[in-house]
C-alpha atoms as a PDB file:
ATOM      1  CA  MET A   1     125.108 103.859 112.049  1.00  0.00           C
ATOM      2  CA  ASN A   2     127.817 100.548 112.738  1.00  0.00           C
ATOM      3  CA  ASN A   3     124.596  99.466 114.704  1.00  0.00           C
ATOM      4  CA  LEU A   4     122.195  99.673 111.413  1.00  0.00           C
ATOM      5  CA  SER A   5     124.975  97.812 108.861  1.00  0.00           C
ATOM      6  CA  ALA A   6     125.262  95.026 111.938  1.00  0.00           C
ATOM      7  CA  ILE A   7     121.037  94.990 112.206  1.00  0.00           C
ATOM      8  CA  LEU A   8     120.545  94.998 108.587  1.00  0.00           C
ATOM      9  CA  ASN A   9     123.159  91.670 108.112  1.00  0.00           C
ATOM     10  CA  GLU A  10     121.449  90.518 110.877  1.00  0.00           C
ATOM     11  CA  LEU A  11     118.155  90.790 109.136  1.00  0.00           C
ATOM     12  CA  LYS A  12     119.180  89.326 106.223  1.00  0.00           C
ATOM     13  CA  THR A  13     119.439  85.761 107.182  1.00  0.00           C
ATOM     14  CA  SER A  14     116.330  85.633 108.069  1.00  0.00           C
ATOM     15  CA  ASN A  15     114.528  87.524 105.815  1.00  0.00           C
ATOM     16  CA  THR A  16     113.555  89.959 107.529  1.00  0.00           C
ATOM     17  CA  THR A  17     112.427  93.467 106.638  1.00  0.00           C
ATOM     18  CA  LEU A  18     113.664  96.657 108.835  1.00  0.00           C
ATOM     19  CA  VAL A  19     111.436 100.019 109.495  1.00  0.00           C
ATOM     20  CA  ALA A  20     113.789 102.055 111.393  1.00  0.00           C
ATOM     21  CA  VAL A  21     111.776 103.690 113.696  1.00  0.00           C
ATOM     22  CA  SER A  22     112.665 107.539 113.091  1.00  0.00           C
ATOM     23  CA  LYS A  23     109.796 109.016 115.310  1.00  0.00           C
ATOM     24  CA  THR A  24     111.689 111.964 117.292  1.00  0.00           C
ATOM     25  CA  LYS A  25     114.730 111.843 115.005  1.00  0.00           C
ATOM     26  CA  SER A  26     116.224 114.576 113.099  1.00  0.00           C
ATOM     27  CA  VAL A  27     116.263 115.085 109.420  1.00  0.00           C
ATOM     28  CA  GLU A  28     119.913 114.553 109.920  1.00  0.00           C
ATOM     29  CA  ALA A  29     119.605 111.307 111.815  1.00  0.00           C
ATOM     30  CA  ILE A  30     117.117 109.912 109.251  1.00  0.00           C
ATOM     31  CA  LEU A  31     119.884 110.975 106.399  1.00  0.00           C
ATOM     32  CA  GLU A  32     122.685 109.193 107.782  1.00  0.00           C
ATOM     33  CA  ALA A  33     120.764 106.018 107.839  1.00  0.00           C
ATOM     34  CA  TYR A  34     119.457 106.876 104.414  1.00  0.00           C
ATOM     35  CA  ASN A  35     123.164 107.309 103.443  1.00  0.00           C
ATOM     36  CA  ALA A  36     123.766 104.240 104.941  1.00  0.00           C
ATOM     37  CA  GLY A  37     121.026 102.063 102.884  1.00  0.00           C
ATOM     38  CA  GLN A  38     117.955 101.937 104.999  1.00  0.00           C
ATOM     39  CA  ARG A  39     115.176 103.332 102.695  1.00  0.00           C
ATOM     40  CA  ILE A  40     112.074 101.864 104.759  1.00  0.00           C
ATOM     41  CA  PHE A  41     111.635 104.439 108.144  1.00  0.00           C
ATOM     42  CA  GLY A  42     108.129 104.781 110.698  1.00  0.00           C
ATOM     43  CA  GLU A  43     106.848 107.222 112.162  1.00  0.00           C
ATOM     44  CA  ASN A  44     104.017 107.520 114.839  1.00  0.00           C
ATOM     45  CA  LYS A  45     102.765 111.037 114.533  1.00  0.00           C
ATOM     46  CA  VAL A  46     101.285 112.300 110.807  1.00  0.00           C
ATOM     47  CA  GLN A  47     102.599 116.055 111.209  1.00  0.00           C
ATOM     48  CA  GLU A  48     106.051 114.711 111.878  1.00  0.00           C
ATOM     49  CA  MET A  49     106.214 112.235 109.061  1.00  0.00           C
ATOM     50  CA  VAL A  50     104.517 114.849 106.814  1.00  0.00           C
ATOM     51  CA  GLU A  51     107.553 117.396 107.493  1.00  0.00           C
ATOM     52  CA  LYS A  52     109.970 114.782 106.924  1.00  0.00           C
ATOM     53  CA  TYR A  53     108.296 113.370 103.883  1.00  0.00           C
ATOM     54  CA  GLU A  54     108.938 116.656 102.386  1.00  0.00           C
ATOM     55  CA  ALA A  55     112.259 117.113 103.226  1.00  0.00           C
ATOM     56  CA  LEU A  56     114.104 113.969 102.590  1.00  0.00           C
ATOM     57  CA  PRO A  57     114.738 112.027  99.610  1.00  0.00           C
ATOM     58  CA  LYS A  58     111.174 110.643  97.695  1.00  0.00           C
ATOM     59  CA  ASP A  59     112.559 106.848  97.288  1.00  0.00           C
ATOM     60  CA  ILE A  60     112.317 106.449 101.263  1.00  0.00           C
ATOM     61  CA  GLN A  61     109.007 104.331 102.312  1.00  0.00           C
ATOM     62  CA  TRP A  62     107.337 105.816 105.062  1.00  0.00           C
ATOM     63  CA  HIS A  63     105.208 103.656 107.538  1.00  0.00           C
ATOM     64  CA  LEU A  64     102.929 105.013 110.093  1.00  0.00           C
ATOM     65  CA  ILE A  65     103.360 102.804 112.985  1.00  0.00           C
ATOM     66  CA  GLY A  66     101.576 105.108 115.459  1.00  0.00           C
ATOM     67  CA  HIS A  67      97.635 105.817 116.674  1.00  0.00           C
ATOM     68  CA  LEU A  68      95.853 107.074 113.652  1.00  0.00           C
ATOM     69  CA  GLN A  69      92.854 109.331 114.060  1.00  0.00           C
ATOM     70  CA  THR A  70      90.543 109.578 110.772  1.00  0.00           C
ATOM     71  CA  ASN A  71      90.871 113.173 110.494  1.00  0.00           C
ATOM     72  CA  LYS A  72      94.356 112.904 109.724  1.00  0.00           C
ATOM     73  CA  VAL A  73      94.497 110.161 107.128  1.00  0.00           C
ATOM     74  CA  LYS A  74      94.284 112.561 104.277  1.00  0.00           C
ATOM     75  CA  TYR A  75      97.639 114.219 105.292  1.00  0.00           C
ATOM     76  CA  ILE A  76      99.038 110.903 104.751  1.00  0.00           C
ATOM     77  CA  ALA A  77      97.446 109.283 101.694  1.00  0.00           C
ATOM     78  CA  PRO A  78      99.190 111.071  98.981  1.00  0.00           C
ATOM     79  CA  PHE A  79     102.307 109.131 100.058  1.00  0.00           C
ATOM     80  CA  VAL A  80     102.264 106.793 102.780  1.00  0.00           C
ATOM     81  CA  SER A  81     103.821 103.683 101.698  1.00  0.00           C
ATOM     82  CA  LEU A  82     102.262 101.270 104.699  1.00  0.00           C
ATOM     83  CA  ILE A  83      99.744 102.271 107.827  1.00  0.00           C
ATOM     84  CA  GLN A  84     100.502  99.157 110.168  1.00  0.00           C
ATOM     85  CA  SER A  85      98.303 100.598 112.815  1.00  0.00           C
ATOM     86  CA  VAL A  86      95.076 100.196 111.644  1.00  0.00           C
ATOM     87  CA  ASP A  87      92.314  99.470 114.466  1.00  0.00           C
ATOM     88  CA  SER A  88      89.002  99.530 113.347  1.00  0.00           C
ATOM     89  CA  PHE A  89      86.958  99.316 110.328  1.00  0.00           C
ATOM     90  CA  LYS A  90      86.018 102.863 110.574  1.00  0.00           C
ATOM     91  CA  LEU A  91      89.937 103.984 109.469  1.00  0.00           C
ATOM     92  CA  LEU A  92      89.907 101.402 107.082  1.00  0.00           C
ATOM     93  CA  GLN A  93      86.981 102.853 105.417  1.00  0.00           C
ATOM     94  CA  GLU A  94      88.448 106.650 105.857  1.00  0.00           C
ATOM     95  CA  ILE A  95      91.560 105.345 104.347  1.00  0.00           C
ATOM     96  CA  ASN A  96      90.053 103.838 101.674  1.00  0.00           C
ATOM     97  CA  LYS A  97      88.250 107.025 101.059  1.00  0.00           C
ATOM     98  CA  GLU A  98      91.339 109.304 101.124  1.00  0.00           C
ATOM     99  CA  ALA A  99      93.304 106.588  98.852  1.00  0.00           C
ATOM    100  CA  ALA A 100      90.598 106.950  96.583  1.00  0.00           C
ATOM    101  CA  LYS A 101      91.072 110.786  96.132  1.00  0.00           C
ATOM    102  CA  ASN A 102      94.678 110.277  95.540  1.00  0.00           C
ATOM    103  CA  ASN A 103      94.303 107.273  93.286  1.00  0.00           C
ATOM    104  CA  ARG A 104      96.039 105.114  95.313  1.00  0.00           C
ATOM    105  CA  ILE A 105      95.641 101.345  96.942  1.00  0.00           C
ATOM    106  CA  ILE A 106      96.785 101.843 100.043  1.00  0.00           C
ATOM    107  CA  ASP A 107      98.806  98.760 102.080  1.00  0.00           C
ATOM    108  CA  CYS A 108      97.779  98.128 105.678  1.00  0.00           C
ATOM    109  CA  LEU A 109      98.141  95.973 108.625  1.00  0.00           C
ATOM    110  CA  LEU A 110      95.490  95.252 111.098  1.00  0.00           C
ATOM    111  CA  GLN A 111      96.567  96.212 114.255  1.00  0.00           C
ATOM    112  CA  ILE A 112      96.072  93.229 117.119  1.00  0.00           C
ATOM    113  CA  HIS A 113      95.931  94.011 120.970  1.00  0.00           C
ATOM    114  CA  ILE A 114      98.361  91.356 122.242  1.00  0.00           C
ATOM    115  CA  ALA A 115      99.235  92.656 125.116  1.00  0.00           C
ATOM    116  CA  LYS A 116      98.812  92.586 128.522  1.00  0.00           C
ATOM    117  CA  GLU A 117      98.311  95.822 128.690  1.00  0.00           C
ATOM    118  CA  GLU A 118      95.376  97.926 128.387  1.00  0.00           C
ATOM    119  CA  THR A 119      97.186 101.289 127.300  1.00  0.00           C
ATOM    120  CA  LYS A 120      98.359  99.863 123.781  1.00  0.00           C
ATOM    121  CA  PHE A 121      95.542 100.026 120.891  1.00  0.00           C
ATOM    122  CA  GLY A 122      95.030  97.317 118.625  1.00  0.00           C
ATOM    123  CA  LEU A 123      91.651  94.722 117.733  1.00  0.00           C
ATOM    124  CA  SER A 124      90.690  91.232 119.466  1.00  0.00           C
ATOM    125  CA  PHE A 125      90.795  88.443 117.161  1.00  0.00           C
ATOM    126  CA  ASP A 126      87.474  88.264 116.774  1.00  0.00           C
ATOM    127  CA  GLU A 127      87.489  91.686 115.613  1.00  0.00           C
ATOM    128  CA  ALA A 128      90.211  91.224 112.899  1.00  0.00           C
ATOM    129  CA  LYS A 129      88.588  87.913 111.496  1.00  0.00           C
ATOM    130  CA  LYS A 130      85.062  89.897 110.916  1.00  0.00           C
ATOM    131  CA  ILE A 131      86.844  92.788 109.536  1.00  0.00           C
ATOM    132  CA  ILE A 132      88.989  90.254 107.481  1.00  0.00           C
ATOM    133  CA  PHE A 133      86.158  88.009 106.049  1.00  0.00           C
ATOM    134  CA  SER A 134      83.728  90.600 105.618  1.00  0.00           C
ATOM    135  CA  PRO A 135      81.929  90.974 102.306  1.00  0.00           C
ATOM    136  CA  GLU A 136      82.096  95.136 103.748  1.00  0.00           C
ATOM    137  CA  THR A 137      86.234  95.112 103.745  1.00  0.00           C
ATOM    138  CA  LYS A 138      86.292  93.181 100.258  1.00  0.00           C
ATOM    139  CA  ALA A 139      83.955  96.292  98.800  1.00  0.00           C
ATOM    140  CA  LEU A 140      86.706  98.850  99.916  1.00  0.00           C
ATOM    141  CA  LYS A 141      88.815  98.725  96.129  1.00  0.00           C
ATOM    142  CA  ASN A 142      91.688 100.971  97.497  1.00  0.00           C
ATOM    143  CA  ILE A 143      93.420  99.504 101.141  1.00  0.00           C
ATOM    144  CA  LYS A 144      94.500  96.336 101.083  1.00  0.00           C
ATOM    145  CA  ILE A 145      94.708  94.402 103.592  1.00  0.00           C
ATOM    146  CA  VAL A 146      98.340  92.540 103.751  1.00  0.00           C
ATOM    147  CA  GLY A 147      98.909  91.362 107.553  1.00  0.00           C
ATOM    148  CA  LEU A 148      98.965  92.147 110.731  1.00  0.00           C
ATOM    149  CA  MET A 149     100.965  93.841 113.477  1.00  0.00           C
ATOM    150  CA  GLY A 150     101.422  93.682 117.208  1.00  0.00           C
ATOM    151  CA  MET A 151     103.302  95.003 120.216  1.00  0.00           C
ATOM    152  CA  ALA A 152     104.206  92.075 123.099  1.00  0.00           C
ATOM    153  CA  THR A 153     103.757  93.141 126.669  1.00  0.00           C
ATOM    154  CA  ASN A 154     106.638  95.775 128.071  1.00  0.00           C
ATOM    155  CA  THR A 155     107.888  92.935 130.434  1.00  0.00           C
ATOM    156  CA  ASP A 156     111.255  91.136 130.913  1.00  0.00           C
ATOM    157  CA  ASN A 157     109.192  88.269 131.053  1.00  0.00           C
ATOM    158  CA  GLN A 158     110.725  86.824 127.818  1.00  0.00           C
ATOM    159  CA  GLU A 159     108.517  83.842 128.012  1.00  0.00           C
ATOM    160  CA  GLN A 160     105.377  85.765 128.318  1.00  0.00           C
ATOM    161  CA  ILE A 161     106.557  87.854 125.149  1.00  0.00           C
ATOM    162  CA  ARG A 162     107.496  84.632 123.308  1.00  0.00           C
ATOM    163  CA  GLU A 163     103.809  83.351 123.989  1.00  0.00           C
ATOM    164  CA  GLU A 164     102.517  86.817 122.655  1.00  0.00           C
ATOM    165  CA  PHE A 165     104.535  87.076 119.551  1.00  0.00           C
ATOM    166  CA  ARG A 166     103.385  83.027 118.965  1.00  0.00           C
ATOM    167  CA  THR A 167      99.654  83.622 119.503  1.00  0.00           C
ATOM    168  CA  LEU A 168      99.759  86.344 117.107  1.00  0.00           C
ATOM    169  CA  HIS A 169     101.957  84.486 114.162  1.00  0.00           C
ATOM    170  CA  LYS A 170      99.483  81.593 114.519  1.00  0.00           C
ATOM    171  CA  PHE A 171      96.356  84.005 113.902  1.00  0.00           C
ATOM    172  CA  PHE A 172      98.353  84.875 111.361  1.00  0.00           C
ATOM    173  CA  LEU A 173      99.063  81.501 109.596  1.00  0.00           C
ATOM    174  CA  ASN A 174      95.390  80.845 110.240  1.00  0.00           C
ATOM    175  CA  SER A 175      93.923  84.084 108.062  1.00  0.00           C
ATOM    176  CA  GLN A 176      94.370  84.997 104.801  1.00  0.00           C
ATOM    177  CA  PHE A 177      97.934  85.965 105.281  1.00  0.00           C
ATOM    178  CA  SER A 178      99.300  83.049 103.973  1.00  0.00           C
ATOM    179  CA  THR A 179     100.564  84.691 100.419  1.00  0.00           C
ATOM    180  CA  ILE A 180     104.318  85.786  99.856  1.00  0.00           C
ATOM    181  CA  ASN A 181     104.069  89.341 100.196  1.00  0.00           C
ATOM    182  CA  SER A 182     101.804  89.533 103.801  1.00  0.00           C
ATOM    183  CA  GLN A 183     103.557  91.494 106.099  1.00  0.00           C
ATOM    184  CA  LEU A 184     103.962  90.089 110.116  1.00  0.00           C
ATOM    185  CA  SER A 185     104.848  93.083 111.593  1.00  0.00           C
ATOM    186  CA  MET A 186     106.647  92.043 115.492  1.00  0.00           C
ATOM    187  CA  GLY A 187     108.955  93.236 117.190  1.00  0.00           C
ATOM    188  CA  MET A 188     111.029  95.815 118.823  1.00  0.00           C
ATOM    189  CA  SER A 189     114.576  96.933 119.448  1.00  0.00           C
ATOM    190  CA  SER A 190     113.924  94.620 123.060  1.00  0.00           C
ATOM    191  CA  ASP A 191     112.474  92.036 121.467  1.00  0.00           C
ATOM    192  CA  TYR A 192     112.754  91.736 118.228  1.00  0.00           C
ATOM    193  CA  LYS A 193     114.928  88.661 117.994  1.00  0.00           C
ATOM    194  CA  ILE A 194     112.141  86.600 119.727  1.00  0.00           C
ATOM    195  CA  ALA A 195     109.838  88.217 117.288  1.00  0.00           C
ATOM    196  CA  ILE A 196     111.832  86.755 114.455  1.00  0.00           C
ATOM    197  CA  GLU A 197     112.302  83.262 115.924  1.00  0.00           C
ATOM    198  CA  GLU A 198     108.226  83.236 116.321  1.00  0.00           C
ATOM    199  CA  GLY A 199     107.175  84.120 112.707  1.00  0.00           C
ATOM    200  CA  SER A 200     107.665  87.670 112.250  1.00  0.00           C
ATOM    201  CA  ASN A 201     109.123  89.666 108.664  1.00  0.00           C
ATOM    202  CA  LEU A 202     108.856  93.035 109.842  1.00  0.00           C
ATOM    203  CA  VAL A 203     110.418  94.358 112.942  1.00  0.00           C
ATOM    204  CA  ARG A 204     110.326  98.053 114.017  1.00  0.00           C
ATOM    205  CA  ILE A 205     113.558  99.088 115.471  1.00  0.00           C
ATOM    206  CA  GLY A 206     114.731 102.515 116.633  1.00  0.00           C
ATOM    207  CA  SER A 207     116.587 103.154 119.899  1.00  0.00           C
ATOM    208  CA  ALA A 208     119.167 100.131 118.708  1.00  0.00           C
ATOM    209  CA  ILE A 209     119.822 102.025 115.738  1.00  0.00           C
ATOM    210  CA  PHE A 210     119.377 105.607 116.454  1.00  0.00           C
ATOM    211  CA  GLY A 211     120.074 105.122 120.315  1.00  0.00           C
ATOM    212  CA  GLU A 212     117.690 106.407 122.993  1.00  0.00           C
ATOM    213  CA  ARG A 213     114.766 108.480 122.207  1.00  0.00           C
ATOM    214  CA  ASN A 214     115.251 112.303 122.273  1.00  0.00           C
ATOM    215  CA  TYR A 215     112.099 113.706 123.687  1.00  0.00           C
ATOM    216  CA  THR A 216     112.523 117.338 123.378  1.00  0.00           C
ATOM    217  CA  HIS A 217     111.757 116.862 119.820  1.00  0.00           C
END
């Protein structure tokens, strides 16, 4: 976990929050990061997150960072700290419904499609704008949209990555997310340094902390 300390120190200077991406990692590996001071972990599968939530200390903040199906929301609604991957109004409505059942207000990020790849989920800027400024969204009392999330194209072209992050940051500033606690989640192990330079205040780092992914889980 030497890498974790180094990354945390690096992020301190830019006031950036670290989400340690723990998908496919064991409870033991997460506990090691927890004991080194990390409290925010990101998972992309609901079932895996629920199992880890049950097995690990309850002061951990769990972020869902993967695609979320509406029928799975109920499993994480009692405890999830932030859902980073909201990609439809329908999903927001479902989160609101399940949050109300649990007497909670759940923080959400709208996931914006900024990559030049068709495989990644996310809203267009126009779709996001409609959701952000819609009276229907304002009527949802058990969710709070606190910012945006985006994934850059998986490419070695750093200028392209930078441009994608810059575009999202610009949209973020032009939306209603200029409050002090708003979150702009951009950047992963391979590109988080560029993301921070382009305005990210929340980075999702997995392999740089835990090593390469374990696909046998």
